[in-house]
Amino acid sequence: MADDTGVFRALADPTRRQILQDLRDRELSAGDIASRFTISAPSISRHLTVLKSAGLVNERREANRIFYSLVEERLAVCVGQFLSTVCPEQVVLRQRRKRRATSQSAENEELRA
């Protein structure tokens, strides 16, 4: 899998970020993706290659068509790790919320018993 530098390099371009947003709900063919932009199909192909190299999209071939889908966990893990490093208070807040949810679940179980 690509290193995190590739992910952030891929995210630096607004066209690639838009492609990721377009793939959020479903996979799209290369032609469908290209039709959403005013730039050339070869340029879109280069953007898709960068996204694939970064591990942010998967490619599936069907006959002579190529379909792309978002690798959500790759993006979430990479960005999440970065944010945990630069915003450690967010990690603490998540841990507190998790502890509260766990203790509330335990209290609810005791009430039911």
N, C-alpha and C. Protein backbone atom coordinates (compact mmCIF):
# COMPACT_ATOMS: atom_id res chain seq x y z
N MET A 1 0.84 -1.19 0.00
CA MET A 1 0.00 0.00 0.00
C MET A 1 0.89 1.25 0.00
N ALA A 2 0.40 2.27 -0.63
CA ALA A 2 1.17 3.50 -0.75
C ALA A 2 1.39 4.12 0.62
N ASP A 3 2.48 4.89 0.74
CA ASP A 3 2.73 5.56 2.01
C ASP A 3 1.82 6.79 2.14
N ASP A 4 1.77 7.36 3.33
CA ASP A 4 0.88 8.49 3.58
C ASP A 4 1.23 9.72 2.76
N THR A 5 2.48 9.89 2.39
CA THR A 5 2.87 11.03 1.57
C THR A 5 2.10 11.03 0.25
N GLY A 6 1.94 9.86 -0.35
CA GLY A 6 1.18 9.75 -1.58
C GLY A 6 -0.27 10.15 -1.41
N VAL A 7 -0.84 9.83 -0.26
CA VAL A 7 -2.23 10.21 0.02
C VAL A 7 -2.37 11.72 0.06
N PHE A 8 -1.49 12.37 0.79
CA PHE A 8 -1.60 13.83 0.91
C PHE A 8 -1.26 14.52 -0.41
N ARG A 9 -0.35 13.95 -1.17
CA ARG A 9 -0.06 14.50 -2.49
C ARG A 9 -1.30 14.37 -3.38
N ALA A 10 -1.97 13.24 -3.31
CA ALA A 10 -3.19 13.03 -4.10
C ALA A 10 -4.29 14.00 -3.67
N LEU A 11 -4.40 14.25 -2.38
CA LEU A 11 -5.45 15.15 -1.87
C LEU A 11 -5.16 16.62 -2.15
N ALA A 12 -3.95 16.93 -2.54
CA ALA A 12 -3.57 18.34 -2.77
C ALA A 12 -4.25 18.94 -4.00
N ASP A 13 -4.73 18.11 -4.90
CA ASP A 13 -5.31 18.61 -6.14
C ASP A 13 -6.84 18.63 -6.06
N PRO A 14 -7.47 19.76 -6.40
CA PRO A 14 -8.93 19.85 -6.30
C PRO A 14 -9.67 18.89 -7.24
N THR A 15 -9.11 18.59 -8.38
CA THR A 15 -9.77 17.63 -9.29
C THR A 15 -9.81 16.25 -8.66
N ARG A 16 -8.72 15.84 -8.04
CA ARG A 16 -8.68 14.53 -7.39
C ARG A 16 -9.61 14.49 -6.19
N ARG A 17 -9.69 15.58 -5.44
CA ARG A 17 -10.64 15.61 -4.32
C ARG A 17 -12.08 15.49 -4.82
N GLN A 18 -12.37 16.11 -5.95
CA GLN A 18 -13.72 16.02 -6.52
C GLN A 18 -14.00 14.59 -6.99
N ILE A 19 -13.02 13.95 -7.58
CA ILE A 19 -13.20 12.55 -8.00
C ILE A 19 -13.53 11.68 -6.79
N LEU A 20 -12.81 11.88 -5.69
CA LEU A 20 -13.09 11.11 -4.48
C LEU A 20 -14.51 11.36 -3.98
N GLN A 21 -14.94 12.62 -4.02
CA GLN A 21 -16.32 12.94 -3.62
C GLN A 21 -17.32 12.27 -4.54
N ASP A 22 -17.04 12.26 -5.83
CA ASP A 22 -17.95 11.63 -6.80
C ASP A 22 -18.05 10.12 -6.57
N LEU A 23 -16.98 9.52 -6.08
CA LEU A 23 -16.97 8.08 -5.83
C LEU A 23 -17.53 7.71 -4.46
N ARG A 24 -17.90 8.69 -3.69
CA ARG A 24 -18.36 8.46 -2.32
C ARG A 24 -19.55 7.49 -2.26
N ASP A 25 -20.51 7.62 -3.16
CA ASP A 25 -21.73 6.84 -3.09
C ASP A 25 -21.72 5.56 -3.91
N ARG A 26 -20.90 5.52 -4.97
CA ARG A 26 -20.90 4.34 -5.83
C ARG A 26 -19.69 4.35 -6.75
N GLU A 27 -19.41 3.20 -7.32
CA GLU A 27 -18.32 3.13 -8.28
C GLU A 27 -18.78 3.77 -9.59
N LEU A 28 -17.81 4.30 -10.32
CA LEU A 28 -18.07 4.96 -11.59
C LEU A 28 -17.06 4.47 -12.63
N SER A 29 -17.49 4.44 -13.87
CA SER A 29 -16.55 4.09 -14.94
C SER A 29 -15.64 5.29 -15.20
N ALA A 30 -14.52 5.03 -15.82
CA ALA A 30 -13.59 6.11 -16.16
C ALA A 30 -14.29 7.15 -17.03
N GLY A 31 -15.13 6.68 -17.95
CA GLY A 31 -15.86 7.60 -18.83
C GLY A 31 -16.85 8.46 -18.06
N ASP A 32 -17.54 7.86 -17.08
CA ASP A 32 -18.47 8.63 -16.25
C ASP A 32 -17.73 9.72 -15.47
N ILE A 33 -16.58 9.35 -14.95
CA ILE A 33 -15.78 10.33 -14.20
C ILE A 33 -15.34 11.45 -15.13
N ALA A 34 -14.80 11.09 -16.29
CA ALA A 34 -14.30 12.10 -17.24
C ALA A 34 -15.41 13.04 -17.69
N SER A 35 -16.63 12.53 -17.82
CA SER A 35 -17.74 13.37 -18.30
C SER A 35 -18.12 14.46 -17.31
N ARG A 36 -17.68 14.35 -16.08
CA ARG A 36 -18.01 15.34 -15.05
C ARG A 36 -17.06 16.54 -15.05
N PHE A 37 -16.03 16.49 -15.88
CA PHE A 37 -15.01 17.52 -15.89
C PHE A 37 -14.84 18.10 -17.30
N THR A 38 -14.28 19.29 -17.34
CA THR A 38 -14.03 19.94 -18.64
C THR A 38 -12.62 19.67 -19.14
N ILE A 39 -11.81 18.97 -18.36
CA ILE A 39 -10.45 18.66 -18.79
C ILE A 39 -10.46 17.39 -19.64
N SER A 40 -9.38 17.11 -20.31
CA SER A 40 -9.31 15.98 -21.25
C SER A 40 -9.35 14.63 -20.51
N ALA A 41 -9.77 13.60 -21.23
CA ALA A 41 -9.80 12.25 -20.69
C ALA A 41 -8.40 11.77 -20.27
N PRO A 42 -7.35 12.05 -21.05
CA PRO A 42 -6.01 11.66 -20.58
C PRO A 42 -5.61 12.33 -19.26
N SER A 43 -6.04 13.56 -19.06
CA SER A 43 -5.75 14.24 -17.78
C SER A 43 -6.48 13.54 -16.64
N ILE A 44 -7.73 13.17 -16.86
CA ILE A 44 -8.48 12.44 -15.83
C ILE A 44 -7.80 11.10 -15.56
N SER A 45 -7.34 10.45 -16.60
CA SER A 45 -6.64 9.18 -16.44
C SER A 45 -5.41 9.34 -15.55
N ARG A 46 -4.67 10.43 -15.74
CA ARG A 46 -3.49 10.68 -14.89
C ARG A 46 -3.90 10.91 -13.44
N HIS A 47 -5.00 11.65 -13.24
CA HIS A 47 -5.49 11.87 -11.87
C HIS A 47 -5.90 10.54 -11.23
N LEU A 48 -6.56 9.69 -11.99
CA LEU A 48 -6.97 8.38 -11.46
C LEU A 48 -5.77 7.51 -11.13
N THR A 49 -4.71 7.62 -11.92
CA THR A 49 -3.48 6.88 -11.65
C THR A 49 -2.86 7.33 -10.34
N VAL A 50 -2.85 8.63 -10.08
CA VAL A 50 -2.32 9.15 -8.82
C VAL A 50 -3.15 8.64 -7.64
N LEU A 51 -4.47 8.68 -7.78
CA LEU A 51 -5.36 8.21 -6.71
C LEU A 51 -5.18 6.71 -6.47
N LYS A 52 -5.02 5.95 -7.53
CA LYS A 52 -4.81 4.52 -7.40
C LYS A 52 -3.45 4.23 -6.74
N SER A 53 -2.42 4.95 -7.16
CA SER A 53 -1.08 4.76 -6.57
C SER A 53 -1.06 5.09 -5.09
N ALA A 54 -1.90 6.03 -4.68
CA ALA A 54 -1.98 6.41 -3.27
C ALA A 54 -2.84 5.43 -2.46
N GLY A 55 -3.47 4.50 -3.15
CA GLY A 55 -4.31 3.53 -2.46
C GLY A 55 -5.69 4.06 -2.11
N LEU A 56 -6.09 5.16 -2.75
CA LEU A 56 -7.38 5.79 -2.43
C LEU A 56 -8.54 5.29 -3.29
N VAL A 57 -8.23 4.67 -4.42
CA VAL A 57 -9.28 4.10 -5.27
C VAL A 57 -8.86 2.70 -5.72
N ASN A 58 -9.87 1.87 -5.94
CA ASN A 58 -9.67 0.55 -6.53
C ASN A 58 -10.12 0.61 -7.97
N GLU A 59 -9.54 -0.26 -8.77
CA GLU A 59 -9.88 -0.34 -10.19
C GLU A 59 -10.42 -1.73 -10.47
N ARG A 60 -11.52 -1.78 -11.24
CA ARG A 60 -12.10 -3.06 -11.64
C ARG A 60 -12.37 -3.00 -13.13
N ARG A 61 -11.91 -4.01 -13.84
CA ARG A 61 -12.11 -4.03 -15.30
C ARG A 61 -13.26 -4.96 -15.63
N GLU A 62 -14.10 -4.47 -16.54
CA GLU A 62 -15.22 -5.26 -17.04
C GLU A 62 -15.27 -5.06 -18.55
N ALA A 63 -14.89 -6.11 -19.27
CA ALA A 63 -14.75 -6.02 -20.74
C ALA A 63 -13.76 -4.90 -21.05
N ASN A 64 -14.20 -3.89 -21.80
CA ASN A 64 -13.28 -2.80 -22.15
C ASN A 64 -13.51 -1.55 -21.31
N ARG A 65 -14.23 -1.70 -20.21
CA ARG A 65 -14.48 -0.56 -19.32
C ARG A 65 -13.73 -0.73 -18.01
N ILE A 66 -13.32 0.38 -17.44
CA ILE A 66 -12.64 0.38 -16.14
C ILE A 66 -13.54 1.12 -15.16
N PHE A 67 -13.81 0.49 -14.02
CA PHE A 67 -14.63 1.09 -12.98
C PHE A 67 -13.74 1.40 -11.78
N TYR A 68 -14.03 2.53 -11.15
CA TYR A 68 -13.27 2.96 -9.98
C TYR A 68 -14.20 3.07 -8.78
N SER A 69 -13.66 2.70 -7.62
CA SER A 69 -14.40 2.83 -6.36
C SER A 69 -13.48 3.39 -5.29
N LEU A 70 -14.07 4.04 -4.33
CA LEU A 70 -13.33 4.68 -3.24
C LEU A 70 -12.89 3.64 -2.21
N VAL A 71 -11.66 3.77 -1.74
CA VAL A 71 -11.16 2.94 -0.64
C VAL A 71 -11.29 3.80 0.62
N GLU A 72 -12.49 3.77 1.20
CA GLU A 72 -12.82 4.67 2.31
C GLU A 72 -11.89 4.50 3.50
N GLU A 73 -11.60 3.24 3.85
CA GLU A 73 -10.79 3.01 5.04
C GLU A 73 -9.39 3.57 4.89
N ARG A 74 -8.82 3.55 3.69
CA ARG A 74 -7.47 4.09 3.47
C ARG A 74 -7.45 5.58 3.77
N LEU A 75 -8.44 6.29 3.25
CA LEU A 75 -8.52 7.73 3.48
C LEU A 75 -8.76 8.02 4.95
N ALA A 76 -9.69 7.31 5.56
CA ALA A 76 -10.04 7.55 6.96
C ALA A 76 -8.86 7.28 7.89
N VAL A 77 -8.16 6.19 7.68
CA VAL A 77 -7.03 5.84 8.55
C VAL A 77 -5.90 6.84 8.39
N CYS A 78 -5.55 7.17 7.16
CA CYS A 78 -4.43 8.08 6.91
C CYS A 78 -4.71 9.47 7.49
N VAL A 79 -5.85 10.02 7.16
CA VAL A 79 -6.19 11.36 7.65
C VAL A 79 -6.40 11.32 9.16
N GLY A 80 -7.02 10.26 9.66
CA GLY A 80 -7.24 10.13 11.10
C GLY A 80 -5.93 10.09 11.88
N GLN A 81 -4.96 9.33 11.38
CA GLN A 81 -3.65 9.28 12.05
C GLN A 81 -2.98 10.64 12.06
N PHE A 82 -3.07 11.33 10.94
CA PHE A 82 -2.48 12.66 10.86
C PHE A 82 -3.15 13.60 11.86
N LEU A 83 -4.47 13.60 11.88
CA LEU A 83 -5.19 14.49 12.80
C LEU A 83 -4.90 14.13 14.26
N SER A 84 -4.74 12.85 14.54
CA SER A 84 -4.41 12.44 15.91
C SER A 84 -3.04 12.98 16.32
N THR A 85 -2.15 13.11 15.36
CA THR A 85 -0.81 13.63 15.64
C THR A 85 -0.83 15.13 15.87
N VAL A 86 -1.56 15.85 15.02
CA VAL A 86 -1.54 17.31 15.13
C VAL A 86 -2.63 17.84 16.06
N CYS A 87 -3.63 17.03 16.34
CA CYS A 87 -4.73 17.43 17.23
C CYS A 87 -4.94 16.35 18.29
N PRO A 88 -3.95 16.13 19.17
CA PRO A 88 -4.07 15.02 20.13
C PRO A 88 -5.28 15.16 21.06
N GLU A 89 -5.77 16.36 21.23
CA GLU A 89 -6.95 16.52 22.08
C GLU A 89 -8.16 15.81 21.48
N GLN A 90 -8.20 15.65 20.18
CA GLN A 90 -9.30 14.92 19.55
C GLN A 90 -9.27 13.45 19.95
N VAL A 91 -8.08 12.89 20.10
CA VAL A 91 -7.96 11.51 20.54
C VAL A 91 -8.51 11.38 21.95
N VAL A 92 -8.15 12.32 22.80
CA VAL A 92 -8.63 12.30 24.19
C VAL A 92 -10.15 12.42 24.22
N LEU A 93 -10.71 13.32 23.42
CA LEU A 93 -12.16 13.49 23.39
C LEU A 93 -12.86 12.21 22.92
N ARG A 94 -12.31 11.55 21.90
CA ARG A 94 -12.90 10.30 21.41
C ARG A 94 -12.85 9.23 22.49
N GLN A 95 -11.74 9.15 23.22
CA GLN A 95 -11.62 8.15 24.28
C GLN A 95 -12.62 8.44 25.39
N ARG A 96 -12.81 9.71 25.74
CA ARG A 96 -13.80 10.06 26.77
C ARG A 96 -15.20 9.66 26.33
N ARG A 97 -15.54 9.98 25.06
CA ARG A 97 -16.87 9.61 24.55
C ARG A 97 -17.08 8.11 24.58
N LYS A 98 -16.05 7.37 24.24
CA LYS A 98 -16.14 5.90 24.23
C LYS A 98 -16.34 5.38 25.65
N ARG A 99 -15.60 5.94 26.61
CA ARG A 99 -15.75 5.52 28.01
C ARG A 99 -17.15 5.83 28.51
N ARG A 100 -17.66 7.03 28.17
CA ARG A 100 -19.03 7.41 28.59
C ARG A 100 -20.05 6.45 28.00
N ALA A 101 -19.90 6.15 26.73
CA ALA A 101 -20.85 5.25 26.07
C ALA A 101 -20.80 3.87 26.70
N THR A 102 -19.59 3.40 27.04
CA THR A 102 -19.44 2.09 27.67
C THR A 102 -20.08 2.09 29.05
N SER A 103 -19.84 3.15 29.83
CA SER A 103 -20.41 3.19 31.18
C SER A 103 -21.93 3.34 31.13
N GLN A 104 -22.44 4.09 30.16
CA GLN A 104 -23.89 4.22 30.02
C GLN A 104 -24.51 2.88 29.63
N SER A 105 -23.86 2.13 28.78
CA SER A 105 -24.35 0.81 28.40
C SER A 105 -24.39 -0.10 29.62
N ALA A 106 -23.33 -0.03 30.45
CA ALA A 106 -23.29 -0.86 31.64
C ALA A 106 -24.40 -0.47 32.62
N GLU A 107 -24.64 0.83 32.76
CA GLU A 107 -25.71 1.29 33.64
C GLU A 107 -27.07 0.83 33.13
N ASN A 108 -27.28 0.90 31.84
CA ASN A 108 -28.54 0.44 31.26
C ASN A 108 -28.74 -1.06 31.49
N GLU A 109 -27.67 -1.83 31.37
CA GLU A 109 -27.74 -3.27 31.62
C GLU A 109 -28.12 -3.55 33.07
N GLU A 110 -27.53 -2.77 34.00
CA GLU A 110 -27.85 -2.95 35.42
C GLU A 110 -29.30 -2.62 35.69
N LEU A 111 -29.82 -1.59 35.07
CA LEU A 111 -31.22 -1.20 35.26
C LEU A 111 -32.17 -2.28 34.73
N ARG A 112 -31.77 -2.93 33.65
CA ARG A 112 -32.61 -3.98 33.07
C ARG A 112 -32.61 -5.24 33.92
N ALA A 113 -31.53 -5.45 34.66
CA ALA A 113 -31.38 -6.69 35.45
C ALA A 113 -32.22 -6.69 36.71
